[in-house]
Amino acid sequence: GLYQDMVARYGRLHSARLDLRASVGGEIIRLIEGEAAARGEILGRRVAEVSRKDGVKITLAGGSWLLFRRSGTESVVRIYAESASKELTASLVSYGKSLVLSFI
């Protein structure tokens, strides 16, 4: 089918989301953005772009990404990640969780 053709041509992407209950203010997103820009790499992969379009989205060399968003209705930071492997996606979410917790 169409999906199998796309996977064969482009590969499979693995996505994950973690909702982290945390009493945080708006500054957490600014702190995460600054950390990503200053570090220049995450898990040995170069930070290719940091975008503030929808929270803070950190795109890594090779196309993997990590996104942090505050909930508008509750004390939650949502962490999203996507990559070509389940293992890297899980590692990105874990990294994101530790980063958020370091600022609380």
Protein backbone atom coordinates (compact mmCIF):
# COMPACT_ATOMS: atom_id res chain seq x y z
CA GLY A 1 0.00 0.00 0.00
CA LEU A 2 0.86 3.66 0.00
CA TYR A 3 2.20 3.66 3.58
CA GLN A 4 4.55 0.73 2.89
CA ASP A 5 5.82 2.50 -0.23
CA MET A 6 6.56 5.64 1.79
CA VAL A 7 8.37 3.65 4.50
CA ALA A 8 10.42 1.83 1.86
CA ARG A 9 11.36 5.11 0.21
CA TYR A 10 11.85 7.41 3.22
CA GLY A 11 12.20 5.14 6.23
CA ARG A 12 10.07 4.93 9.35
CA LEU A 13 9.84 7.72 11.92
CA HIS A 14 9.32 7.08 15.62
CA SER A 15 7.55 9.71 17.68
CA ALA A 16 7.03 10.03 21.41
CA ARG A 17 5.44 12.46 23.86
CA LEU A 18 5.89 12.90 27.59
CA ASP A 19 3.71 15.15 29.74
CA LEU A 20 5.79 16.26 32.70
CA ARG A 21 3.80 17.71 35.59
CA ALA A 22 5.78 20.66 36.80
CA SER A 23 4.92 23.97 38.36
CA VAL A 24 6.80 26.14 35.90
CA GLY A 25 6.55 29.67 34.62
CA GLY A 26 7.07 30.93 31.11
CA GLU A 27 10.80 31.33 31.65
CA ILE A 28 11.38 27.56 31.38
CA ILE A 29 11.05 27.71 27.59
CA ARG A 30 13.54 30.59 27.40
CA LEU A 31 15.99 28.65 29.58
CA ILE A 32 15.68 25.53 27.43
CA GLU A 33 16.21 27.58 24.27
CA GLY A 34 19.33 29.18 25.74
CA GLU A 35 20.74 25.84 26.87
CA ALA A 36 20.21 24.27 23.43
CA ALA A 37 21.83 27.20 21.65
CA ALA A 38 24.79 27.32 24.07
CA ARG A 39 25.38 23.56 24.03
CA GLY A 40 25.39 23.20 20.25
CA GLU A 41 24.85 19.45 20.47
CA ILE A 42 22.50 16.95 22.08
CA LEU A 43 23.38 13.27 22.52
CA GLY A 44 26.39 13.74 20.25
CA ARG A 45 24.32 15.25 17.44
CA ARG A 46 24.82 18.84 16.29
CA VAL A 47 21.98 21.28 16.89
CA ALA A 48 21.01 22.39 13.38
CA GLU A 49 18.23 24.81 14.32
CA VAL A 50 16.36 26.17 17.34
CA SER A 51 12.89 27.48 16.54
CA ARG A 52 10.41 29.33 18.78
CA LYS A 53 7.47 28.88 16.41
CA ASP A 54 5.55 26.47 18.66
CA GLY A 55 7.35 26.28 22.01
CA VAL A 56 11.03 25.47 21.52
CA LYS A 57 11.84 22.99 18.76
CA ILE A 58 15.42 21.79 18.55
CA THR A 59 16.23 20.18 15.22
CA LEU A 60 19.37 18.07 15.12
CA ALA A 61 21.65 17.24 12.21
CA GLY A 62 20.04 14.34 10.38
CA GLY A 63 16.49 15.56 11.00
CA SER A 64 15.70 14.26 14.50
CA TRP A 65 14.00 16.80 16.73
CA LEU A 66 12.92 17.60 20.27
CA LEU A 67 10.07 20.00 21.11
CA PHE A 68 9.16 21.58 24.45
CA ARG A 69 5.75 23.22 24.98
CA ARG A 70 4.02 24.51 28.08
CA SER A 71 0.38 23.62 28.44
CA GLY A 72 -1.93 26.59 28.28
CA THR A 73 -4.37 25.07 30.77
CA GLU A 74 -2.36 23.13 33.35
CA SER A 75 1.07 22.97 35.01
CA VAL A 76 2.55 20.63 32.43
CA VAL A 77 5.53 20.78 30.10
CA ARG A 78 5.00 18.59 27.07
CA ILE A 79 8.07 17.02 25.52
CA TYR A 80 7.84 15.63 21.99
CA ALA A 81 10.56 13.86 20.01
CA GLU A 82 10.91 12.22 16.62
CA SER A 83 13.72 10.32 14.96
CA ALA A 84 14.40 7.38 12.68
CA SER A 85 14.89 4.96 15.62
CA LYS A 86 12.89 4.05 18.71
CA GLU A 87 16.06 4.13 20.79
CA LEU A 88 17.07 7.65 19.77
CA THR A 89 13.52 8.92 20.24
CA ALA A 90 13.43 7.46 23.77
CA SER A 91 16.86 8.97 24.51
CA LEU A 92 15.70 12.38 23.27
CA VAL A 93 12.63 12.29 25.52
CA SER A 94 14.78 11.22 28.47
CA TYR A 95 17.24 14.04 27.75
CA GLY A 96 14.34 16.49 27.50
CA LYS A 97 12.94 15.34 30.84
CA SER A 98 16.30 15.75 32.59
CA LEU A 99 16.71 19.20 31.04
CA VAL A 100 13.29 20.38 32.26
CA LEU A 101 13.91 18.96 35.73
CA SER A 102 17.27 20.75 35.92
CA PHE A 103 15.44 24.09 35.69
CA ILE A 104 12.79 23.37 38.33
